[in-house]
Amino acid sequence: MSALERRTDVFDGVLIPPPSTSTTACAYKYYQDRNRKWPFHTNAHGAALLRQLFDDARRVIAALDAAIIALAPDDAAREAIVRSGVDIYAKKPSIRERDVTWSQTEYAHLGLQREYCRFKSVQRFTETWACLERAHARGVFEDVGKGGDGETRRVASLGGGPGFELIAVREYFKLHFPSVTLDLVSLDLEESWRASAEALGLRFFQWDMRSGKVADACGGAVDFALASYVYKMYMCEDDVADWFAEELKDMHAALIISRDQSLQTALMEKRGVDVCKLMALQTKRGDDRQLVFSRDRVFEAWSTSIKSASPESSMTFPNVPYEEHKTSERDHHRDRDRHRGFRGGWDRRDHAHGASRDTTRNDSRDSGRW
């Protein structure tokens, strides 16, 4: 047995059950970051979803380990690949040089892919699930599940890599629309993600973001598209906005997930795209981290009139993406919930954090997560 095969479970300590005496709804603690510095919380259903995700991700990591073993002649060489991947993941050398998280060459590195799947699996799954809950509450899936027996929906992840966002879609639709058959497709420029996507039971096609033609790449019309952590870096240019706006005419909607609170949504709006903000708007500049793009289908945006109907207080993964930097009324609600015993996604009692938000750079929480 090689050293890789003898490694401990990559998800040990990621999900922590509550004390037997706990009466809090969201009592399970879990981590998205590699240093396990920032705890989030979920309920029993969310914990079950995470355990299933871990099983799925273990298959992907096992496939990557097999590829590393086949590539490297001995344990020392294999460990070097893994260590190099850890280093690339942590240091992100391309982010300053090219303003991208990792270069195409780095994405092809098996060690980086292994590290990516260890940590991004949890973040991508939980953020997509939260986005689906918010979109569902706004009526985005109003027509889903009404087609009777044989209804099939195709969902494409644009720049989706291994496709953990699509695993969230699979589990969400299984819960809420069990009669619907899904065709889940990950589209990505990096061909070597194929094995990981296929280990998750997804279809994969190599695809260039600049080319568009999403339906052609998927082999037929696409009902929903996901653009998770690709919009700002890869889609905010006229050529991409042109094809995206045009192809949205034949899609039900596209879900946009980003780390940035302020995105160039005007780029799409001036091309006739309706933009629905899914996050609570309680800062002056708003919050663009979860959006819905659509054409001729206007969904209900967040407003004071629908706060009481919002899923925020009953979400499976509360405070995802994290919102503790928001001020004013949001702080009041969070403090109120904490006094009631609802701890949400991140509890300051679990880790001291006093740094203020600096809009010119990532705060300490960002730098630890990414």
Protein backbone atom coordinates (compact mmCIF):
# COMPACT_ATOMS: atom_id res chain seq x y z
CA MET A 1 0.00 0.00 0.00
CA SER A 2 1.40 3.40 -0.99
CA ALA A 3 1.69 6.40 1.31
CA LEU A 4 -1.21 8.03 -0.55
CA GLU A 5 -3.41 5.02 0.12
CA ARG A 6 -2.48 5.10 3.82
CA ARG A 7 -3.51 8.74 4.31
CA THR A 8 -6.20 9.46 6.88
CA ASP A 9 -9.70 10.42 5.80
CA VAL A 10 -9.56 13.87 4.22
CA PHE A 11 -12.85 14.87 5.89
CA ASP A 12 -11.93 13.96 9.45
CA GLY A 13 -12.98 16.82 11.72
CA VAL A 14 -14.86 18.77 9.01
CA LEU A 15 -18.30 17.96 10.47
CA ILE A 16 -18.68 17.95 14.26
CA PRO A 17 -21.87 16.63 15.90
CA PRO A 18 -23.50 18.62 18.69
CA PRO A 19 -23.23 17.80 22.37
CA SER A 20 -25.92 15.40 23.52
CA THR A 21 -27.41 18.17 25.67
CA SER A 22 -27.79 20.66 22.79
CA THR A 23 -31.29 21.93 22.00
CA THR A 24 -30.20 24.31 19.22
CA ALA A 25 -31.69 23.64 15.77
CA CYS A 26 -28.46 24.27 13.89
CA ALA A 27 -26.19 22.51 16.35
CA TYR A 28 -23.85 20.71 13.95
CA LYS A 29 -20.60 22.54 13.30
CA TYR A 30 -18.72 22.27 10.00
CA TYR A 31 -15.82 23.99 8.26
CA GLN A 32 -15.26 25.24 4.73
CA ASP A 33 -11.72 26.56 5.16
CA ARG A 34 -8.52 24.51 5.08
CA ASN A 35 -7.36 25.74 8.50
CA ARG A 36 -10.69 24.99 10.19
CA LYS A 37 -10.71 28.46 11.61
CA TRP A 38 -14.21 29.62 10.71
CA PRO A 39 -17.06 27.36 11.89
CA PHE A 40 -20.45 27.33 10.22
CA HIS A 41 -23.53 25.56 11.55
CA THR A 42 -26.28 23.39 10.15
CA ASN A 43 -29.17 21.19 11.25
CA ALA A 44 -29.50 17.39 11.16
CA HIS A 45 -30.64 17.43 7.53
CA GLY A 46 -27.67 19.56 6.51
CA ALA A 47 -25.36 17.19 8.36
CA ALA A 48 -26.81 14.25 6.42
CA LEU A 49 -26.26 16.15 3.16
CA LEU A 50 -22.65 16.83 4.09
CA ARG A 51 -22.01 13.17 4.91
CA GLN A 52 -23.34 12.24 1.48
CA LEU A 53 -21.15 14.93 -0.07
CA PHE A 54 -18.11 13.52 1.72
CA ASP A 55 -18.83 10.09 0.24
CA ASP A 56 -19.11 11.63 -3.24
CA ALA A 57 -15.93 13.66 -2.79
CA ARG A 58 -14.00 10.66 -1.47
CA ARG A 59 -14.66 8.89 -4.77
CA VAL A 60 -13.24 11.87 -6.64
CA ILE A 61 -10.16 12.07 -4.41
CA ALA A 62 -9.64 8.30 -4.74
CA ALA A 63 -9.69 8.69 -8.52
CA LEU A 64 -7.19 11.55 -8.31
CA ASP A 65 -4.96 9.49 -5.98
CA ALA A 66 -5.05 6.64 -8.51
CA ALA A 67 -4.02 9.06 -11.25
CA ILE A 68 -1.14 10.36 -9.10
CA ILE A 69 0.00 6.81 -8.34
CA ALA A 70 -0.06 5.97 -12.05
CA LEU A 71 1.90 9.13 -12.91
CA ALA A 72 4.64 9.01 -10.25
CA PRO A 73 7.09 6.10 -9.89
CA ASP A 74 7.39 5.97 -6.10
CA ASP A 75 6.02 7.30 -2.82
CA ALA A 76 8.45 10.22 -2.68
CA ALA A 77 7.41 11.46 -6.11
CA ARG A 78 3.72 11.04 -5.27
CA GLU A 79 4.07 12.95 -2.04
CA ALA A 80 5.89 15.70 -3.91
CA ILE A 81 2.90 16.07 -6.25
CA VAL A 82 0.51 16.28 -3.29
CA ARG A 83 2.70 18.79 -1.43
CA SER A 84 3.08 20.90 -4.53
CA GLY A 85 -0.71 20.96 -4.90
CA VAL A 86 -1.13 22.04 -1.28
CA ASP A 87 1.36 24.84 -1.87
CA ILE A 88 -0.36 26.05 -5.06
CA TYR A 89 -3.75 25.97 -3.37
CA ALA A 90 -2.55 27.93 -0.34
CA LYS A 91 -0.33 30.51 -2.03
CA LYS A 92 -2.32 31.09 -5.26
CA PRO A 93 0.70 32.44 -7.17
CA SER A 94 -1.39 33.53 -10.16
CA ILE A 95 -3.79 35.76 -8.27
CA ARG A 96 -1.37 38.71 -8.22
CA GLU A 97 0.27 38.06 -11.56
CA ARG A 98 -2.83 37.37 -13.67
CA ASP A 99 -5.80 38.30 -11.44
CA VAL A 100 -7.11 34.73 -11.57
CA THR A 101 -7.19 32.31 -8.65
CA TRP A 102 -5.17 29.68 -10.48
CA SER A 103 -3.76 29.53 -14.00
CA GLN A 104 -4.83 26.91 -16.51
CA THR A 105 -1.55 25.07 -15.94
CA GLU A 106 -2.18 25.06 -12.19
CA TYR A 107 -5.72 23.77 -12.65
CA ALA A 108 -4.27 20.79 -14.54
CA HIS A 109 -1.98 19.90 -11.62
CA LEU A 110 -3.28 16.70 -10.00
CA GLY A 111 -2.10 17.78 -6.55
CA LEU A 112 -3.97 21.07 -6.85
CA GLN A 113 -7.08 19.25 -8.03
CA ARG A 114 -6.87 16.96 -5.01
CA GLU A 115 -6.58 19.88 -2.60
CA TYR A 116 -9.33 21.77 -4.43
CA CYS A 117 -11.74 18.85 -4.04
CA ARG A 118 -10.94 18.52 -0.33
CA PHE A 119 -12.07 22.06 0.47
CA LYS A 120 -14.06 23.50 -2.41
CA SER A 121 -16.43 20.53 -2.32
CA VAL A 122 -17.92 21.76 0.97
CA GLN A 123 -17.98 25.44 0.05
CA ARG A 124 -19.40 24.95 -3.44
CA PHE A 125 -22.05 22.50 -2.24
CA THR A 126 -23.30 24.60 0.67
CA GLU A 127 -23.29 27.89 -1.23
CA THR A 128 -25.16 26.35 -4.15
CA TRP A 129 -27.70 24.75 -1.82
CA ALA A 130 -28.28 28.13 -0.15
CA CYS A 131 -28.66 29.78 -3.55
CA LEU A 132 -31.20 27.15 -4.60
CA GLU A 133 -33.23 27.74 -1.43
CA ARG A 134 -33.25 31.49 -2.02
CA ALA A 135 -34.10 31.08 -5.71
CA HIS A 136 -36.88 28.63 -4.87
CA ALA A 137 -38.40 31.15 -2.44
CA ARG A 138 -38.37 33.79 -5.23
CA GLY A 139 -40.31 31.54 -7.65
CA VAL A 140 -37.43 30.56 -9.92
CA PHE A 141 -38.52 26.90 -9.91
CA GLU A 142 -42.25 27.59 -10.11
CA ASP A 143 -42.69 25.56 -13.31
CA VAL A 144 -40.45 22.66 -12.28
CA GLY A 145 -42.15 19.36 -11.48
CA LYS A 146 -45.37 20.18 -13.31
CA GLY A 147 -44.56 18.32 -16.51
CA GLY A 148 -45.82 14.94 -15.33
CA ASP A 149 -44.02 11.64 -15.78
CA GLY A 150 -40.92 11.88 -17.90
CA GLU A 151 -40.12 15.52 -17.15
CA THR A 152 -36.40 16.10 -17.66
CA ARG A 153 -34.44 19.20 -16.82
CA ARG A 154 -30.92 19.90 -18.02
CA VAL A 155 -28.64 21.95 -15.78
CA ALA A 156 -25.22 23.10 -16.99
CA SER A 157 -22.42 24.40 -14.79
CA LEU A 158 -20.37 26.96 -16.75
CA GLY A 159 -16.70 26.60 -15.88
CA GLY A 160 -17.90 23.94 -13.45
CA GLY A 161 -14.72 21.90 -13.06
CA PRO A 162 -15.46 18.74 -11.04
CA GLY A 163 -19.07 19.82 -10.56
CA PHE A 164 -19.83 19.92 -6.84
CA GLU A 165 -22.42 22.64 -7.52
CA LEU A 166 -24.32 20.11 -9.61
CA ILE A 167 -24.30 17.63 -6.74
CA ALA A 168 -26.16 20.26 -4.71
CA VAL A 169 -28.66 20.58 -7.59
CA ARG A 170 -29.08 16.80 -7.70
CA GLU A 171 -29.80 16.51 -3.98
CA TYR A 172 -32.03 19.61 -3.92
CA PHE A 173 -34.19 18.39 -6.79
CA LYS A 174 -34.32 14.91 -5.26
CA LEU A 175 -35.83 16.48 -2.14
CA HIS A 176 -38.18 19.02 -3.72
CA PHE A 177 -38.88 17.69 -7.23
CA PRO A 178 -38.45 13.90 -6.96
CA SER A 179 -40.37 13.17 -10.16
CA VAL A 180 -37.98 15.22 -12.31
CA THR A 181 -35.12 13.50 -14.12
CA LEU A 182 -31.96 15.59 -14.27
CA ASP A 183 -29.25 15.79 -16.90
CA LEU A 184 -26.32 17.42 -15.14
CA VAL A 185 -23.46 18.71 -17.27
CA SER A 186 -20.18 20.32 -16.24
CA LEU A 187 -18.53 22.48 -18.91
CA ASP A 188 -14.91 23.49 -18.39
CA LEU A 189 -11.83 24.39 -20.40
CA GLU A 190 -9.64 22.04 -18.34
CA GLU A 191 -10.09 18.57 -19.83
CA SER A 192 -8.46 16.80 -16.89
CA TRP A 193 -11.51 17.59 -14.71
CA ARG A 194 -13.42 14.99 -16.73
CA ALA A 195 -12.45 12.04 -14.49
CA SER A 196 -13.56 13.90 -11.36
CA ALA A 197 -16.89 14.95 -12.87
CA GLU A 198 -17.58 11.46 -14.14
CA ALA A 199 -16.71 10.01 -10.70
CA LEU A 200 -19.57 12.18 -9.43
CA GLY A 201 -21.92 10.74 -12.05
CA LEU A 202 -21.99 13.90 -14.18
CA ARG A 203 -21.53 14.44 -17.88
CA PHE A 204 -18.50 16.53 -18.78
CA PHE A 205 -17.50 18.40 -21.93
CA GLN A 206 -14.45 20.52 -22.60
CA TRP A 207 -15.70 24.02 -23.35
CA ASP A 208 -14.29 27.50 -23.76
CA MET A 209 -16.13 30.26 -21.89
CA ARG A 210 -15.52 32.65 -24.78
CA SER A 211 -17.28 30.44 -27.31
CA GLY A 212 -20.76 30.23 -25.82
CA LYS A 213 -23.03 27.71 -27.58
CA VAL A 214 -23.92 26.11 -24.27
CA ALA A 215 -26.82 24.09 -25.68
CA ASP A 216 -24.62 22.75 -28.48
CA ALA A 217 -21.96 21.73 -25.98
CA CYS A 218 -24.53 19.93 -23.81
CA GLY A 219 -26.28 18.22 -26.69
CA GLY A 220 -29.60 20.03 -26.33
CA ALA A 221 -31.51 22.88 -24.73
CA VAL A 222 -30.46 23.90 -21.21
CA ASP A 223 -33.10 24.76 -18.62
CA PHE A 224 -30.85 26.22 -15.95
CA ALA A 225 -27.24 27.35 -15.96
CA LEU A 226 -24.92 27.81 -13.00
CA ALA A 227 -22.01 30.23 -13.03
CA SER A 228 -20.22 29.69 -9.73
CA TYR A 229 -17.13 31.81 -9.07
CA VAL A 230 -16.54 32.50 -12.75
CA TYR A 231 -18.62 35.59 -13.53
CA LYS A 232 -16.22 38.30 -12.36
CA MET A 233 -12.99 36.77 -13.64
CA TYR A 234 -14.15 35.17 -16.88
CA MET A 235 -17.52 36.56 -17.96
CA CYS A 236 -17.34 40.34 -17.50
CA GLU A 237 -16.37 41.19 -21.06
CA ASP A 238 -18.51 42.19 -24.01
CA ASP A 239 -18.02 39.06 -26.12
CA VAL A 240 -19.11 36.77 -23.30
CA ALA A 241 -21.97 39.05 -22.22
CA ASP A 242 -23.24 39.08 -25.82
CA TRP A 243 -23.56 35.32 -26.14
CA PHE A 244 -24.76 34.86 -22.56
CA ALA A 245 -27.58 37.39 -22.96
CA GLU A 246 -28.60 35.79 -26.25
CA GLU A 247 -28.59 32.24 -24.93
CA LEU A 248 -30.60 33.22 -21.85
CA LYS A 249 -33.55 33.67 -24.22
CA ASP A 250 -33.76 29.88 -24.42
CA MET A 251 -33.01 29.17 -20.74
CA HIS A 252 -35.34 29.38 -17.78
CA ALA A 253 -32.70 31.14 -15.69
CA ALA A 254 -29.04 31.25 -14.73
CA LEU A 255 -27.86 31.28 -11.12
CA ILE A 256 -24.77 33.39 -10.45
CA ILE A 257 -22.69 32.69 -7.33
CA SER A 258 -19.73 34.90 -6.50
CA ARG A 259 -17.51 36.02 -3.63
CA ASP A 260 -17.88 39.67 -4.65
CA GLN A 261 -20.65 41.85 -3.28
CA SER A 262 -20.47 44.22 -6.23
CA LEU A 263 -20.56 42.75 -9.75
CA GLN A 264 -20.88 44.35 -13.18
CA THR A 265 -24.55 43.46 -13.56
CA ALA A 266 -25.13 46.49 -15.79
CA LEU A 267 -23.18 44.62 -18.45
CA MET A 268 -26.08 42.15 -18.65
CA GLU A 269 -28.93 44.55 -17.91
CA LYS A 270 -28.11 46.76 -20.89
CA ARG A 271 -28.48 43.62 -23.03
CA GLY A 272 -32.02 43.03 -21.81
CA VAL A 273 -31.26 40.61 -18.97
CA ASP A 274 -33.32 40.83 -15.79
CA VAL A 275 -31.18 40.62 -12.65
CA CYS A 276 -32.71 39.39 -9.40
CA LYS A 277 -30.64 39.80 -6.23
CA LEU A 278 -31.13 36.88 -3.87
CA MET A 279 -29.16 38.14 -0.87
CA ALA A 280 -30.67 40.42 1.75
CA LEU A 281 -30.10 44.05 0.77
CA GLN A 282 -29.10 45.69 4.00
CA THR A 283 -25.98 47.53 2.97
CA LYS A 284 -25.97 50.68 0.84
CA ARG A 285 -24.23 49.01 -2.08
CA GLY A 286 -26.32 45.84 -1.94
CA ASP A 287 -25.04 42.30 -2.27
CA ASP A 288 -24.44 40.62 -5.63
CA ARG A 289 -23.01 37.34 -4.34
CA GLN A 290 -26.09 35.35 -5.38
CA LEU A 291 -28.10 36.46 -8.41
CA VAL A 292 -30.57 35.18 -10.95
CA PHE A 293 -30.23 36.19 -14.61
CA SER A 294 -33.24 35.70 -16.88
CA ARG A 295 -34.94 37.01 -20.01
CA ASP A 296 -38.65 37.87 -19.96
CA ARG A 297 -39.05 36.12 -16.60
CA VAL A 298 -38.91 38.60 -13.72
CA PHE A 299 -38.53 37.02 -10.30
CA GLU A 300 -39.25 38.66 -6.97
CA ALA A 301 -36.20 40.44 -5.58
CA TRP A 302 -35.45 40.92 -1.91
CA SER A 303 -37.44 43.75 -0.40
CA THR A 304 -38.85 44.74 2.96
CA SER A 305 -42.23 43.43 1.82
CA ILE A 306 -41.03 39.82 1.63
CA LYS A 307 -38.69 39.64 4.61
CA SER A 308 -41.24 37.65 6.60
CA ALA A 309 -41.44 35.10 3.76
CA SER A 310 -37.69 34.87 3.29
CA PRO A 311 -36.01 31.50 3.80
CA GLU A 312 -33.11 33.16 5.65
CA SER A 313 -34.29 32.21 9.13
CA SER A 314 -34.92 28.57 8.23
CA MET A 315 -32.11 27.78 5.82
CA THR A 316 -30.34 24.44 5.87
CA PHE A 317 -26.95 26.18 5.83
CA PRO A 318 -27.49 29.54 7.58
CA ASN A 319 -25.15 32.45 6.94
CA VAL A 320 -23.89 30.97 3.67
CA PRO A 321 -22.25 32.89 2.18
CA TYR A 322 -21.27 34.59 5.41
CA GLU A 323 -22.88 37.89 6.27
CA GLU A 324 -21.39 38.89 9.62
CA HIS A 325 -19.81 42.00 8.09
CA LYS A 326 -23.24 43.45 7.27
CA THR A 327 -24.39 46.22 9.55
CA SER A 328 -27.44 48.04 10.91
CA GLU A 329 -30.65 46.01 10.85
CA ARG A 330 -28.84 42.81 9.92
CA ASP A 331 -26.74 43.10 13.07
CA HIS A 332 -29.90 43.58 15.09
CA HIS A 333 -31.49 40.42 13.69
CA ARG A 334 -28.34 38.39 14.20
CA ASP A 335 -27.99 39.56 17.80
CA ARG A 336 -31.64 38.78 18.40
CA ASP A 337 -31.25 35.28 16.97
CA ARG A 338 -28.12 34.65 19.02
CA HIS A 339 -30.00 35.52 22.22
CA ARG A 340 -32.72 33.09 21.15
CA GLY A 341 -30.19 30.31 20.71
CA PHE A 342 -30.17 30.29 16.89
CA ARG A 343 -26.48 30.45 16.10
CA GLY A 344 -26.62 30.61 12.34
CA GLY A 345 -23.57 30.03 10.20
CA TRP A 346 -20.74 31.62 12.14
CA ASP A 347 -20.63 32.17 15.85
CA ARG A 348 -18.12 34.60 17.33
CA ARG A 349 -18.05 32.45 20.45
CA ASP A 350 -16.30 29.79 18.39
CA HIS A 351 -13.49 32.10 17.28
CA ALA A 352 -12.52 35.62 18.17
CA HIS A 353 -12.58 37.96 15.21
CA GLY A 354 -12.25 41.68 15.61
CA ALA A 355 -10.86 42.82 12.26
CA SER A 356 -12.85 45.46 10.44
CA ARG A 357 -13.88 45.09 6.83
CA ASP A 358 -11.42 46.65 4.38
CA THR A 359 -13.10 47.08 1.00
CA THR A 360 -9.77 47.43 -0.78
CA ARG A 361 -8.62 43.94 0.06
CA ASN A 362 -9.89 40.59 1.32
CA ASP A 363 -10.52 40.53 5.05
CA SER A 364 -8.84 37.99 7.30
CA ARG A 365 -11.71 35.61 6.91
CA ASP A 366 -11.49 35.69 3.13
CA SER A 367 -7.77 35.07 3.12
CA GLY A 368 -8.23 32.06 5.36
CA ARG A 369 -11.01 30.56 3.30
CA TRP A 370 -9.72 30.84 -0.23
